[in-house]
Amino acid sequence: MLESTTSNQESKSELVELTGLWENTTKNGDKYLSGSMGRARVLIFANKYKDNERAPDYRLYVARNRPQEDRMDDASAAVAPSDSGASSNPKQEDDIPF
């Protein structure tokens, strides 16, 4: 598993950090990761509908960032996407620094 790099290691590594991710919990109790890349919000959910070993373990979704005042302060309102492949619009915590 890849470990994050420190500032001293970044100059020696070929890895490029794109964003930080924060662990959140949906209202159903499922864990997911979220972060921000410019004006886009990234969400990573475990693939609960994996039906064979070639299916991905995780799915990455991209959504528009919402203005800070529109965000709910309770990440528990988030819902993981359904097996239809459509993206959900999870709520995020206000104390996440992005």
C-alpha atoms as a PDB file:
ATOM      1  CA  MET A   1       0.000   0.000   0.000  1.00  0.00           C
ATOM      2  CA  LEU A   2       1.295   3.467  -0.810  1.00  0.00           C
ATOM      3  CA  GLU A   3       2.100   5.742   2.091  1.00  0.00           C
ATOM      4  CA  SER A   4       1.796   9.502   1.876  1.00  0.00           C
ATOM      5  CA  THR A   5       5.015  11.414   1.371  1.00  0.00           C
ATOM      6  CA  THR A   6       6.423  14.132   3.599  1.00  0.00           C
ATOM      7  CA  SER A   7       7.783  17.408   2.230  1.00  0.00           C
ATOM      8  CA  ASN A   8      11.355  16.088   2.323  1.00  0.00           C
ATOM      9  CA  GLN A   9      10.379  12.984   0.377  1.00  0.00           C
ATOM     10  CA  GLU A  10       8.253  14.791  -2.232  1.00  0.00           C
ATOM     11  CA  SER A  11      11.287  16.099  -4.109  1.00  0.00           C
ATOM     12  CA  LYS A  12      12.717  12.560  -4.277  1.00  0.00           C
ATOM     13  CA  SER A  13       9.456  10.844  -5.271  1.00  0.00           C
ATOM     14  CA  GLU A  14       7.767  10.598  -8.645  1.00  0.00           C
ATOM     15  CA  LEU A  15       4.369  10.714  -6.896  1.00  0.00           C
ATOM     16  CA  VAL A  16       2.352  13.909  -7.292  1.00  0.00           C
ATOM     17  CA  GLU A  17      -0.199  14.717  -4.612  1.00  0.00           C
ATOM     18  CA  LEU A  18      -3.502  15.860  -6.134  1.00  0.00           C
ATOM     19  CA  THR A  19      -5.597  16.384  -3.022  1.00  0.00           C
ATOM     20  CA  GLY A  20      -6.219  15.305   0.548  1.00  0.00           C
ATOM     21  CA  LEU A  21      -9.129  13.029   1.389  1.00  0.00           C
ATOM     22  CA  TRP A  22     -11.207  12.884   4.558  1.00  0.00           C
ATOM     23  CA  GLU A  23     -13.056   9.843   5.851  1.00  0.00           C
ATOM     24  CA  ASN A  24     -16.800  10.355   6.370  1.00  0.00           C
ATOM     25  CA  THR A  25     -19.778   8.154   7.193  1.00  0.00           C
ATOM     26  CA  THR A  26     -23.068   7.951   5.276  1.00  0.00           C
ATOM     27  CA  LYS A  27     -26.423   7.954   7.043  1.00  0.00           C
ATOM     28  CA  ASN A  28     -26.408   4.172   6.491  1.00  0.00           C
ATOM     29  CA  GLY A  29     -23.108   3.868   8.392  1.00  0.00           C
ATOM     30  CA  ASP A  30     -20.921   3.222   5.317  1.00  0.00           C
ATOM     31  CA  LYS A  31     -17.488   4.874   5.235  1.00  0.00           C
ATOM     32  CA  TYR A  32     -16.414   6.960   2.240  1.00  0.00           C
ATOM     33  CA  LEU A  33     -13.626   9.404   1.350  1.00  0.00           C
ATOM     34  CA  SER A  34     -14.161  12.938   0.111  1.00  0.00           C
ATOM     35  CA  GLY A  35     -11.988  15.838  -0.933  1.00  0.00           C
ATOM     36  CA  SER A  36     -11.788  18.785  -3.263  1.00  0.00           C
ATOM     37  CA  MET A  37      -9.857  19.407  -6.482  1.00  0.00           C
ATOM     38  CA  GLY A  38     -10.336  22.977  -7.652  1.00  0.00           C
ATOM     39  CA  ARG A  39     -14.047  23.489  -8.235  1.00  0.00           C
ATOM     40  CA  ALA A  40     -14.751  19.749  -8.214  1.00  0.00           C
ATOM     41  CA  ARG A  41     -15.581  17.553  -5.270  1.00  0.00           C
ATOM     42  CA  VAL A  42     -14.291  13.969  -5.336  1.00  0.00           C
ATOM     43  CA  LEU A  43     -16.001  11.095  -3.533  1.00  0.00           C
ATOM     44  CA  ILE A  44     -14.722   7.532  -3.226  1.00  0.00           C
ATOM     45  CA  PHE A  45     -17.079   4.726  -2.204  1.00  0.00           C
ATOM     46  CA  ALA A  46     -16.379   1.032  -1.696  1.00  0.00           C
ATOM     47  CA  ASN A  47     -18.027  -1.016  -4.455  1.00  0.00           C
ATOM     48  CA  LYS A  48     -20.754  -2.818  -2.498  1.00  0.00           C
ATOM     49  CA  TYR A  49     -22.047  -4.390  -5.708  1.00  0.00           C
ATOM     50  CA  LYS A  50     -18.841  -6.181  -6.738  1.00  0.00           C
ATOM     51  CA  ASP A  51     -20.018  -9.373  -8.411  1.00  0.00           C
ATOM     52  CA  ASN A  52     -16.721 -10.756  -9.718  1.00  0.00           C
ATOM     53  CA  GLU A  53     -13.000 -10.395  -9.016  1.00  0.00           C
ATOM     54  CA  ARG A  54     -12.460  -8.136 -12.057  1.00  0.00           C
ATOM     55  CA  ALA A  55     -14.945  -5.528 -10.780  1.00  0.00           C
ATOM     56  CA  PRO A  56     -13.341  -2.500  -9.076  1.00  0.00           C
ATOM     57  CA  ASP A  57     -13.024  -2.415  -5.288  1.00  0.00           C
ATOM     58  CA  TYR A  58     -13.807   1.320  -5.141  1.00  0.00           C
ATOM     59  CA  ARG A  59     -15.637   3.839  -7.336  1.00  0.00           C
ATOM     60  CA  LEU A  60     -14.608   7.492  -7.786  1.00  0.00           C
ATOM     61  CA  TYR A  61     -17.315  10.118  -8.344  1.00  0.00           C
ATOM     62  CA  VAL A  62     -16.913  13.800  -9.205  1.00  0.00           C
ATOM     63  CA  ALA A  63     -19.465  16.505  -8.339  1.00  0.00           C
ATOM     64  CA  ARG A  64     -19.456  20.291  -8.384  1.00  0.00           C
ATOM     65  CA  ASN A  65     -18.303  21.893  -5.154  1.00  0.00           C
ATOM     66  CA  ARG A  66     -21.165  23.599  -3.365  1.00  0.00           C
ATOM     67  CA  PRO A  67     -20.775  26.986  -1.671  1.00  0.00           C
ATOM     68  CA  GLN A  68     -19.849  26.678   2.014  1.00  0.00           C
ATOM     69  CA  GLU A  69     -23.191  28.081   3.209  1.00  0.00           C
ATOM     70  CA  ASP A  70     -25.107  25.346   1.321  1.00  0.00           C
ATOM     71  CA  ARG A  71     -23.267  22.510   3.064  1.00  0.00           C
ATOM     72  CA  MET A  72     -24.912  20.632   5.884  1.00  0.00           C
ATOM     73  CA  ASP A  73     -22.823  20.256   9.024  1.00  0.00           C
ATOM     74  CA  ASP A  74     -23.739  16.590   9.356  1.00  0.00           C
ATOM     75  CA  ALA A  75     -21.947  14.085   7.107  1.00  0.00           C
ATOM     76  CA  SER A  76     -24.389  11.440   8.315  1.00  0.00           C
ATOM     77  CA  ALA A  77     -26.879  12.761   5.741  1.00  0.00           C
ATOM     78  CA  ALA A  78     -24.748  11.308   2.940  1.00  0.00           C
ATOM     79  CA  VAL A  79     -26.007   8.275   1.029  1.00  0.00           C
ATOM     80  CA  ALA A  80     -23.779   5.910  -0.938  1.00  0.00           C
ATOM     81  CA  PRO A  81     -24.581   5.575  -4.650  1.00  0.00           C
ATOM     82  CA  SER A  82     -26.924   2.791  -5.747  1.00  0.00           C
ATOM     83  CA  ASP A  83     -25.910  -0.079  -7.976  1.00  0.00           C
ATOM     84  CA  SER A  84     -27.313   1.857 -10.952  1.00  0.00           C
ATOM     85  CA  GLY A  85     -23.998   3.706 -11.152  1.00  0.00           C
ATOM     86  CA  ALA A  86     -25.585   7.126 -10.607  1.00  0.00           C
ATOM     87  CA  SER A  87     -23.714   9.475  -8.318  1.00  0.00           C
ATOM     88  CA  SER A  88     -25.260  10.554  -5.047  1.00  0.00           C
ATOM     89  CA  ASN A  89     -24.787  13.984  -3.562  1.00  0.00           C
ATOM     90  CA  PRO A  90     -23.452  13.328  -0.035  1.00  0.00           C
ATOM     91  CA  LYS A  91     -23.505  16.140   2.484  1.00  0.00           C
ATOM     92  CA  GLN A  92     -20.197  17.113   4.043  1.00  0.00           C
ATOM     93  CA  GLU A  93     -19.010  18.352   7.392  1.00  0.00           C
ATOM     94  CA  ASP A  94     -18.340  22.075   7.791  1.00  0.00           C
ATOM     95  CA  ASP A  95     -15.170  21.417   9.803  1.00  0.00           C
ATOM     96  CA  ILE A  96     -13.429  19.786   6.812  1.00  0.00           C
ATOM     97  CA  PRO A  97     -10.877  22.394   5.635  1.00  0.00           C
ATOM     98  CA  PHE A  98     -11.833  22.840   1.967  1.00  0.00           C
END
